Amino acid sequence: MWAALALTLVSALAGCAMPGAQRGGATVHVTPSPSPSPSVTATPVPCNPATQWPPPTNHVDLEAIALAPSKTGPATGWATGKLLPGLTQGNFTPTAVLYHLINGQWQRAPQTYPGADLMTIAMGGPTDGWAASSTPLTGSAHPLVLHDTNGVWRPVDIPALDFILQSTATILEANIFSVKIQLFGPDVGWMVAQTNYPRPDGGPLTLILRYDGHAWSTLPTPTVPSTMTLFDVSAVSANELWMVGTDYGAASETTRFFHYVHQQWQRAKQTFPLITQSLTMASPTLGWAGDNDGDSSVPNQLLWYHNQQWAPFPIPSALTQHGAYPLGPILTPAPGVVWMETEQLSTQTPGLWQEAQNRWSPVPWPYTDIIPTALTQDTTGTLWGIANIGHQQNCPPNLVYEVWQGVFLRQTHGHWTRQNLP
C-alpha cells in the first residue's frame, strides 16, 4: 500500500539502482508500468556495494507534512519522519520523529518514539493537530496516536484502534498496514486504518473513525461480500466520504466505489476491472483513484471522478506529445490546484504537470533524483513539501533493500530549493 515502509525489501536485482524518486506517502499513489519506448535501451549498471550510499545512523525518512491553518503571518507546520537506528545491525524497527516549521526553517523536535512510524499528520488549527502510527511504541500494545494542543504533542489512547493489535484465541496476530488522518477544523476529523484483522464475513477490516472534538468513534463501513477488500478512504467534508475497494470473487478483479453522504453509504453504479487501492478527492466534484498493488506485470489504471461519475482518466494529449506518462500521485497543494507526477519516457526522469481550466502544462522541475510525495501551500503562495531519495543497499545474492533519505522542499516565486536530511 501507499504508506509503504521507509525501508522496502526488494527482490534480487541484476544491477544497482540509481537514487530514485520517492515511494508512497499520504496521497494517492498510482504507478503505471508503460512499455518503454522502442528507441530507449537500458544499459545495465554493475552493482558495487563500495559505491553505494552509506546511510548514517541518524538518517531520516520523511513520511508526512501538514501546515497549520493560518490567515496571516509566516507559515507554521509539522512533518513526521522516522529513523532506523539499528539498520547496520539488520534491525528495521523504526523510531518516529517530528519536525517543526518555524520562521521558514525545519527544526527537529527533541522527542523520539521508538517502535512507531507516524505515517500521517494533519492540523485542524494553528495549535491543534493529530498524528498516528500503524505501530505501537516499543513495549506498548497500543498504536501510537499523538494530539497536539498548544504546540505540545501528547499520546492519546484510541480504543477503536487498540483491539487490532490484541491477540485473541482465534486471532493470534493482526497488523495495521496504513493509517491516515484528515481534519476539517479542530473539532471534526476522519481517520482510516487498513488492517489484516478479519471482518465478521472473513474479509480484511478497514476501520473508519470520526472525531467530534472529544473522542474518536467508529463509522460502519459499507456492506460488501467477503470476497471484497475495502482499501482507501478520502473525505471531502465533515460529512462526506468516498471509499474504494476491489472484489476478488469473480474470475477477474473488479473495482467498486462507495459514497458516504446524508449519513448513509451509497454504491456507485460504475465498476472497473483490475485492482484499485488508493484514492484522493480534490473536491466534492473531482477525485482520482489508482492501482498500487506492486504487480508490474499488469498495466495499472488511473480513474477519476468527473461530471458526477467515475471513469477511466483520459491521458492528456499534451503529456503524450511531450513524451511524458502519468505516474501519480495526484497532488493538490491548494484548492483548485491539481498537479500530476509524470515520467519522461526517453530519459526515465520524473516531472510535474499542472491542470488549469482543463488544460495541462509542465511545471518546471529541477531535480532528477526526487519527486514530491506531498505538497501544501501557505497563505503567501509558497509551497512546502517532502520527498525521499531512494538508495539501494547490497547486491545479489545478498538481501537487497532500499533506504530512503528525507528531503524538505520549498518553492517561492517559482524557484525550488531543497534541504537534504542526513
Protein backbone atom coordinates (compact mmCIF):
# COMPACT_ATOMS: atom_id res chain seq x y z
CA MET A 1 0.00 0.00 0.00
CA TRP A 2 0.83 3.66 -0.24
CA ALA A 3 2.39 4.49 3.17
CA ALA A 4 4.99 1.86 2.48
CA LEU A 5 7.80 1.19 4.88
CA ALA A 6 10.74 3.53 4.76
CA LEU A 7 12.92 0.58 4.11
CA THR A 8 11.50 -1.55 1.32
CA LEU A 9 12.78 -5.02 0.71
CA VAL A 10 13.14 -5.77 -2.97
CA SER A 11 13.88 -8.90 -4.92
CA ALA A 12 17.33 -9.76 -6.17
CA LEU A 13 18.28 -7.29 -8.86
CA ALA A 14 20.52 -7.65 -11.85
CA GLY A 15 22.30 -4.35 -11.16
CA CYS A 16 22.50 -1.41 -8.79
CA ALA A 17 19.64 1.06 -8.78
CA MET A 18 20.40 4.74 -9.07
CA PRO A 19 18.85 7.03 -6.45
CA GLY A 20 15.19 7.09 -7.32
CA ALA A 21 12.05 9.07 -6.79
CA GLN A 22 10.17 8.72 -3.52
CA ARG A 23 7.68 5.96 -2.94
CA GLY A 24 4.32 6.11 -1.30
CA GLY A 25 3.18 8.81 1.02
CA ALA A 26 -0.07 10.42 2.30
CA THR A 27 -1.58 10.96 -1.15
CA VAL A 28 -2.96 8.74 -3.87
CA HIS A 29 -0.21 6.70 -5.49
CA VAL A 30 -0.67 5.38 -8.97
CA THR A 31 2.31 3.66 -10.57
CA PRO A 32 1.57 2.62 -14.13
CA SER A 33 4.09 0.43 -15.91
CA PRO A 34 4.13 1.66 -19.50
CA SER A 35 6.07 -0.18 -22.15
CA PRO A 36 9.35 1.67 -22.75
CA SER A 37 9.85 3.49 -25.99
CA PRO A 38 11.36 1.16 -28.62
CA SER A 39 14.15 3.71 -29.12
CA VAL A 40 15.21 3.53 -25.48
CA THR A 41 17.63 0.81 -24.41
CA ALA A 42 18.69 0.44 -20.80
CA THR A 43 22.36 -0.11 -20.08
CA PRO A 44 22.87 -2.34 -17.03
CA VAL A 45 24.90 -0.73 -14.27
CA PRO A 46 27.24 -3.13 -12.43
CA CYS A 47 26.31 -3.50 -8.77
CA ASN A 48 29.08 -2.42 -6.42
CA PRO A 49 28.39 -2.08 -2.66
CA ALA A 50 31.52 0.09 -2.30
CA THR A 51 29.90 2.88 -4.35
CA GLN A 52 26.51 2.74 -2.61
CA TRP A 53 25.37 5.45 -0.24
CA PRO A 54 26.38 4.59 3.35
CA PRO A 55 23.35 5.55 5.46
CA PRO A 56 24.32 7.40 8.65
CA THR A 57 22.84 6.14 11.90
CA ASN A 58 20.68 9.29 12.16
CA HIS A 59 19.33 9.28 8.61
CA VAL A 60 15.65 10.29 8.37
CA ASP A 61 12.90 9.09 6.04
CA LEU A 62 10.10 11.69 5.82
CA GLU A 63 6.54 10.40 6.00
CA ALA A 64 4.00 13.25 6.04
CA ILE A 65 3.64 17.03 6.21
CA ALA A 66 0.89 19.44 7.31
CA LEU A 67 0.78 23.21 7.58
CA ALA A 68 -1.18 24.79 10.43
CA PRO A 69 -4.19 26.77 9.15
CA SER A 70 -3.45 30.49 9.30
CA LYS A 71 -4.86 33.56 7.56
CA THR A 72 -1.84 35.77 8.23
CA GLY A 73 1.73 35.50 9.43
CA PRO A 74 4.55 33.15 8.49
CA ALA A 75 3.78 29.52 7.77
CA THR A 76 3.99 27.07 10.62
CA GLY A 77 3.56 23.35 10.41
CA TRP A 78 4.79 19.90 11.26
CA ALA A 79 6.26 16.91 9.48
CA THR A 80 6.81 13.33 10.54
CA GLY A 81 9.75 11.10 9.81
CA LYS A 82 11.48 8.03 11.09
CA LEU A 83 14.95 6.86 11.95
CA LEU A 84 16.25 3.34 11.56
CA PRO A 85 18.90 3.31 14.29
CA GLY A 86 19.55 -0.43 14.09
CA LEU A 87 19.81 -0.64 10.31
CA THR A 88 23.50 -1.54 10.19
CA GLN A 89 22.77 -4.46 12.54
CA GLY A 90 19.86 -5.67 10.42
CA ASN A 91 17.20 -4.20 12.73
CA PHE A 92 14.47 -2.46 10.73
CA THR A 93 12.47 -1.24 13.76
CA PRO A 94 11.64 2.47 13.24
CA THR A 95 11.89 5.38 15.65
CA ALA A 96 9.47 8.18 14.80
CA VAL A 97 10.44 11.85 14.99
CA LEU A 98 8.71 15.19 14.44
CA TYR A 99 9.88 18.32 12.63
CA HIS A 100 8.51 21.81 13.32
CA LEU A 101 8.42 24.59 10.70
CA ILE A 102 9.26 27.88 12.44
CA ASN A 103 10.28 31.11 10.70
CA GLY A 104 10.88 29.30 7.44
CA GLN A 105 13.17 26.66 8.95
CA TRP A 106 12.53 23.00 9.73
CA GLN A 107 13.71 22.06 13.22
CA ARG A 108 13.62 18.56 14.62
CA ALA A 109 11.70 18.23 17.88
CA PRO A 110 13.61 16.52 20.70
CA GLN A 111 11.05 13.76 21.26
CA THR A 112 11.61 10.32 19.76
CA TYR A 113 9.12 7.47 19.61
CA PRO A 114 10.91 4.09 19.40
CA GLY A 115 8.91 1.44 17.56
CA ALA A 116 6.49 3.90 15.93
CA ASP A 117 6.43 5.23 12.37
CA LEU A 118 3.95 8.21 12.48
CA MET A 119 2.92 7.85 8.85
CA THR A 120 0.21 10.55 8.92
CA ILE A 121 -0.26 14.04 10.34
CA ALA A 122 -2.94 16.72 9.99
CA MET A 123 -3.53 20.13 11.54
CA GLY A 124 -7.01 21.34 12.43
CA GLY A 125 -5.87 24.71 13.77
CA PRO A 126 -2.74 26.76 14.46
CA THR A 127 -2.04 24.77 17.63
CA ASP A 128 -4.23 21.70 17.21
CA GLY A 129 -3.38 18.57 15.28
CA TRP A 130 -3.20 14.80 15.19
CA ALA A 131 -0.57 12.28 14.11
CA ALA A 132 -0.79 8.49 14.06
CA SER A 133 1.39 5.43 13.67
CA SER A 134 0.48 1.98 12.40
CA THR A 135 2.71 0.50 15.10
CA PRO A 136 2.97 0.86 18.89
CA LEU A 137 5.79 2.27 20.93
CA THR A 138 8.31 -0.34 21.95
CA GLY A 139 6.88 -2.18 24.95
CA SER A 140 3.31 -0.97 24.28
CA ALA A 141 0.35 -2.76 22.78
CA HIS A 142 -1.41 0.41 21.57
CA PRO A 143 -0.87 2.05 18.16
CA LEU A 144 0.72 5.43 18.82
CA VAL A 145 -1.62 8.39 18.29
CA LEU A 146 -0.49 11.91 19.19
CA HIS A 147 -2.63 15.01 19.80
CA ASP A 148 -1.10 18.47 19.54
CA THR A 149 -2.55 21.07 21.89
CA ASN A 150 -0.76 24.42 22.06
CA GLY A 151 2.37 23.00 20.46
CA VAL A 152 2.73 20.03 22.80
CA TRP A 153 2.27 16.54 21.36
CA ARG A 154 0.82 14.04 23.83
CA PRO A 155 -0.08 10.36 23.35
CA VAL A 156 -3.81 9.62 23.27
CA ASP A 157 -5.24 6.12 23.55
CA ILE A 158 -7.79 5.26 20.83
CA PRO A 159 -9.63 2.11 21.98
CA ALA A 160 -11.12 1.61 18.50
CA LEU A 161 -7.57 1.06 17.20
CA ASP A 162 -6.22 -0.87 20.18
CA PHE A 163 -8.14 -4.08 19.58
CA ILE A 164 -6.49 -4.61 16.20
CA LEU A 165 -3.18 -5.47 17.87
CA GLN A 166 -4.68 -7.52 20.72
CA SER A 167 -4.28 -11.28 20.34
CA THR A 168 -7.31 -13.50 20.89
CA ALA A 169 -7.88 -17.23 20.91
CA THR A 170 -8.75 -17.14 17.19
CA ILE A 171 -6.63 -14.17 16.05
CA LEU A 172 -3.05 -14.61 17.13
CA GLU A 173 -1.55 -11.70 15.21
CA ALA A 174 -3.04 -8.78 13.31
CA ASN A 175 -1.47 -5.61 11.99
CA ILE A 176 -2.34 -2.14 10.80
CA PHE A 177 -0.85 -1.67 7.34
CA SER A 178 -1.52 2.04 6.94
CA VAL A 179 -3.29 4.89 8.67
CA LYS A 180 -4.14 8.43 7.61
CA ILE A 181 -5.95 11.41 9.12
CA GLN A 182 -7.93 14.26 7.56
CA LEU A 183 -9.14 17.21 9.65
CA PHE A 184 -11.76 19.85 8.90
CA GLY A 185 -11.08 22.19 11.79
CA PRO A 186 -10.11 21.36 15.38
CA ASP A 187 -13.39 19.60 16.16
CA VAL A 188 -14.02 17.45 13.08
CA GLY A 189 -11.81 14.77 11.59
CA TRP A 190 -11.53 11.37 9.96
CA MET A 191 -9.05 8.55 10.48
CA VAL A 192 -8.82 5.43 8.32
CA ALA A 193 -6.74 2.37 9.16
CA GLN A 194 -6.25 -0.56 6.79
CA THR A 195 -5.65 -3.83 8.60
CA ASN A 196 -5.47 -7.58 8.14
CA TYR A 197 -7.88 -8.10 11.06
CA PRO A 198 -10.76 -10.27 9.76
CA ARG A 199 -14.23 -8.82 9.37
CA PRO A 200 -17.12 -11.00 10.59
CA ASP A 201 -17.56 -12.19 6.99
CA GLY A 202 -13.87 -13.07 6.72
CA GLY A 203 -12.59 -10.16 4.61
CA PRO A 204 -9.91 -7.80 5.94
CA LEU A 205 -11.15 -4.96 8.12
CA THR A 206 -10.75 -1.30 7.19
CA LEU A 207 -11.52 0.98 10.12
CA ILE A 208 -13.07 4.42 9.66
CA LEU A 209 -13.06 6.66 12.75
CA ARG A 210 -14.75 10.04 13.14
CA TYR A 211 -13.64 12.78 15.55
CA ASP A 212 -16.20 15.12 17.11
CA GLY A 213 -13.89 17.33 19.13
CA HIS A 214 -13.97 14.99 22.13
CA ALA A 215 -13.44 11.38 21.03
CA TRP A 216 -12.91 9.11 18.02
CA SER A 217 -15.80 6.77 17.23
CA THR A 218 -16.17 4.05 14.61
CA LEU A 219 -18.20 4.60 11.45
CA PRO A 220 -19.61 1.38 9.97
CA THR A 221 -18.19 0.55 6.56
CA PRO A 222 -20.35 -0.39 3.55
CA THR A 223 -21.85 -3.85 3.49
CA VAL A 224 -19.82 -5.86 1.00
CA PRO A 225 -19.25 -9.55 0.16
CA SER A 226 -16.47 -11.44 1.91
CA THR A 227 -14.51 -11.50 -1.35
CA MET A 228 -14.10 -7.71 -1.32
CA THR A 229 -11.22 -5.81 0.24
CA LEU A 230 -12.04 -2.22 1.15
CA PHE A 231 -8.94 -0.12 0.65
CA ASP A 232 -8.71 3.64 0.80
CA VAL A 233 -10.95 6.46 2.05
CA SER A 234 -10.86 10.15 1.17
CA ALA A 235 -13.06 12.74 2.87
CA VAL A 236 -14.28 15.91 1.18
CA SER A 237 -16.01 17.44 4.21
CA ALA A 238 -17.05 16.74 7.77
CA ASN A 239 -19.98 14.70 6.47
CA GLU A 240 -18.91 13.24 3.12
CA LEU A 241 -16.52 10.41 2.20
CA TRP A 242 -15.54 8.29 -0.77
CA MET A 243 -14.18 4.76 -0.43
CA VAL A 244 -12.70 2.33 -2.96
CA GLY A 245 -12.44 -1.44 -2.85
CA THR A 246 -11.67 -4.44 -5.04
CA ASP A 247 -13.79 -7.57 -5.31
CA TYR A 248 -11.67 -10.68 -5.85
CA GLY A 249 -14.62 -13.09 -6.07
CA ALA A 250 -15.06 -13.29 -9.82
CA ALA A 251 -12.72 -14.60 -12.49
CA SER A 252 -11.02 -11.20 -12.54
CA GLU A 253 -10.77 -8.36 -10.04
CA THR A 254 -13.48 -5.68 -10.00
CA THR A 255 -13.14 -2.17 -8.59
CA ARG A 256 -16.10 -0.51 -6.87
CA PHE A 257 -16.63 2.89 -5.25
CA PHE A 258 -18.76 3.78 -2.22
CA HIS A 259 -20.05 7.22 -1.27
CA TYR A 260 -20.94 8.24 2.30
CA VAL A 261 -23.37 11.14 2.13
CA HIS A 262 -26.53 12.07 4.08
CA GLN A 263 -25.35 9.71 6.84
CA GLN A 264 -25.51 6.58 4.70
CA TRP A 265 -23.41 4.62 2.23
CA GLN A 266 -24.31 4.51 -1.44
CA ARG A 267 -22.64 2.27 -4.01
CA ALA A 268 -21.58 3.91 -7.25
CA LYS A 269 -23.03 2.31 -10.37
CA GLN A 270 -19.78 2.19 -12.31
CA THR A 271 -17.42 -0.77 -11.94
CA PHE A 272 -13.93 -1.22 -13.37
CA PRO A 273 -11.55 -4.13 -13.94
CA LEU A 274 -8.27 -4.61 -12.09
CA ILE A 275 -7.22 -3.62 -8.59
CA THR A 276 -7.63 -0.09 -7.23
CA GLN A 277 -6.10 0.56 -3.84
CA SER A 278 -5.60 4.31 -3.46
CA LEU A 279 -7.94 7.27 -3.61
CA THR A 280 -7.82 11.04 -3.24
CA MET A 281 -10.58 13.61 -3.60
CA ALA A 282 -9.51 17.11 -4.60
CA SER A 283 -13.04 18.44 -4.05
CA PRO A 284 -16.61 17.11 -3.82
CA THR A 285 -16.71 17.04 -7.63
CA LEU A 286 -13.18 15.94 -8.56
CA GLY A 287 -11.13 12.93 -7.48
CA TRP A 288 -8.68 10.24 -8.57
CA ALA A 289 -8.10 6.60 -7.76
CA GLY A 290 -5.43 4.19 -8.88
CA ASP A 291 -3.52 0.97 -8.62
CA ASN A 292 -0.75 0.44 -6.15
CA ASP A 293 -0.51 -3.33 -5.84
CA GLY A 294 3.10 -3.51 -6.98
CA ASP A 295 2.40 -6.01 -9.79
CA SER A 296 4.34 -4.59 -12.72
CA SER A 297 3.14 -7.40 -14.99
CA VAL A 298 -0.36 -5.89 -15.12
CA PRO A 299 -0.90 -2.40 -16.61
CA ASN A 300 -2.12 -0.07 -13.89
CA GLN A 301 -5.07 2.23 -14.33
CA LEU A 302 -5.96 5.76 -13.29
CA LEU A 303 -9.61 6.56 -12.67
CA TRP A 304 -11.17 9.93 -12.00
CA TYR A 305 -14.41 11.32 -10.59
CA HIS A 306 -15.70 13.91 -13.01
CA ASN A 307 -19.18 15.01 -14.10
CA GLN A 308 -20.63 13.15 -11.08
CA GLN A 309 -19.32 9.73 -12.12
CA TRP A 310 -16.18 7.60 -12.06
CA ALA A 311 -14.50 6.83 -15.37
CA PRO A 312 -11.06 5.97 -16.79
CA PHE A 313 -8.88 9.07 -16.78
CA PRO A 314 -8.01 10.12 -20.34
CA ILE A 315 -4.28 10.72 -20.60
CA PRO A 316 -3.92 14.35 -21.75
CA SER A 317 -2.59 14.61 -25.29
CA ALA A 318 -0.20 17.34 -24.13
CA LEU A 319 1.62 14.74 -22.00
CA THR A 320 1.99 12.18 -24.75
CA GLN A 321 3.15 14.84 -27.21
CA HIS A 322 5.95 15.69 -24.78
CA GLY A 323 6.86 12.04 -24.21
CA ALA A 324 5.57 12.09 -20.63
CA TYR A 325 3.48 9.42 -18.91
CA PRO A 326 1.29 10.00 -15.83
CA LEU A 327 2.58 8.17 -12.77
CA GLY A 328 0.82 9.76 -9.85
CA PRO A 329 0.43 10.65 -7.17
CA ILE A 330 -2.07 13.40 -7.75
CA LEU A 331 -1.04 16.38 -5.64
CA THR A 332 -3.42 19.16 -4.57
CA PRO A 333 -1.24 21.75 -2.82
CA ALA A 334 -4.07 24.32 -2.73
CA PRO A 335 -7.80 24.42 -3.51
CA GLY A 336 -8.33 24.27 -7.25
CA VAL A 337 -4.69 23.35 -7.94
CA VAL A 338 -4.04 19.88 -9.34
CA TRP A 339 -0.56 18.52 -10.08
CA MET A 340 0.32 15.13 -11.51
CA GLU A 341 3.62 13.30 -11.30
CA THR A 342 4.92 12.05 -14.63
CA GLU A 343 7.88 10.23 -16.10
CA GLN A 344 9.73 11.28 -19.20
CA LEU A 345 9.91 8.02 -21.14
CA SER A 346 13.04 8.89 -23.12
CA THR A 347 15.11 9.67 -20.04
CA GLN A 348 13.08 7.95 -17.29
CA THR A 349 13.24 11.16 -15.24
CA PRO A 350 10.41 12.48 -13.05
CA GLY A 351 8.35 15.55 -13.85
CA LEU A 352 5.32 17.53 -12.75
CA TRP A 353 2.32 18.72 -14.75
CA GLN A 354 -0.39 21.14 -13.63
CA GLU A 355 -4.03 21.30 -14.67
CA ALA A 356 -5.72 24.68 -15.04
CA GLN A 357 -9.05 25.27 -16.76
CA ASN A 358 -8.95 21.78 -18.30
CA ARG A 359 -5.50 22.33 -19.80
CA TRP A 360 -2.33 20.54 -18.72
CA SER A 361 1.09 22.13 -18.83
CA PRO A 362 4.51 21.14 -17.44
CA VAL A 363 5.73 22.58 -14.14
CA PRO A 364 9.46 23.34 -14.19
CA TRP A 365 11.07 20.66 -12.03
CA PRO A 366 14.82 20.88 -11.44
CA TYR A 367 15.57 17.52 -9.80
CA THR A 368 16.09 14.09 -11.35
CA ASP A 369 16.52 12.07 -8.15
CA ILE A 370 13.33 13.03 -6.29
CA ILE A 371 9.68 13.88 -6.84
CA PRO A 372 7.34 15.36 -4.20
CA THR A 373 5.21 12.94 -2.21
CA ALA A 374 3.25 15.73 -0.56
CA LEU A 375 2.91 19.45 -1.22
CA THR A 376 0.98 22.12 0.61
CA GLN A 377 0.68 25.87 0.08
CA ASP A 378 0.68 28.65 2.67
CA THR A 379 -1.16 31.99 2.53
CA THR A 380 1.73 33.69 0.69
CA GLY A 381 1.67 31.16 -2.14
CA THR A 382 4.87 29.44 -1.01
CA LEU A 383 4.84 25.67 -1.49
CA TRP A 384 6.23 23.33 1.17
CA GLY A 385 6.74 19.66 0.54
CA ILE A 386 8.60 16.46 1.27
CA ALA A 387 10.33 13.80 -0.80
CA ASN A 388 12.80 10.97 -0.27
CA ILE A 389 15.84 9.80 -2.17
CA GLY A 390 15.99 6.03 -2.62
CA HIS A 391 19.35 4.34 -2.08
CA GLN A 392 19.87 0.65 -2.85
CA GLN A 393 21.79 -1.37 -0.29
CA ASN A 394 23.69 -4.62 -1.05
CA CYS A 395 23.91 -6.65 -4.24
CA PRO A 396 22.58 -10.09 -5.17
CA PRO A 397 22.75 -12.81 -4.00
CA ASN A 398 22.64 -10.94 -0.67
CA LEU A 399 19.41 -9.40 0.58
CA VAL A 400 18.79 -6.23 -1.45
CA TYR A 401 16.77 -3.40 0.09
CA GLU A 402 16.24 0.31 -0.30
CA VAL A 403 16.90 3.04 2.26
CA TRP A 404 15.12 6.39 1.99
CA GLN A 405 16.75 9.75 2.71
CA GLY A 406 14.38 12.61 3.53
CA VAL A 407 14.27 15.90 1.63
CA PHE A 408 12.35 19.07 2.53
CA LEU A 409 11.17 21.10 -0.49
CA ARG A 410 10.21 24.74 -0.86
CA GLN A 411 9.04 26.74 -3.85
CA THR A 412 8.93 30.54 -3.74
CA HIS A 413 8.06 32.59 -6.84
CA GLY A 414 8.60 29.51 -8.99
CA HIS A 415 12.06 28.76 -7.58
CA TRP A 416 12.64 25.41 -5.88
CA THR A 417 15.06 24.80 -3.04
CA ARG A 418 15.73 21.61 -1.13
CA GLN A 419 17.13 20.53 2.23
CA ASN A 420 18.57 17.02 2.29
CA LEU A 421 18.40 15.38 5.71
CA PRO A 422 21.14 13.05 6.96
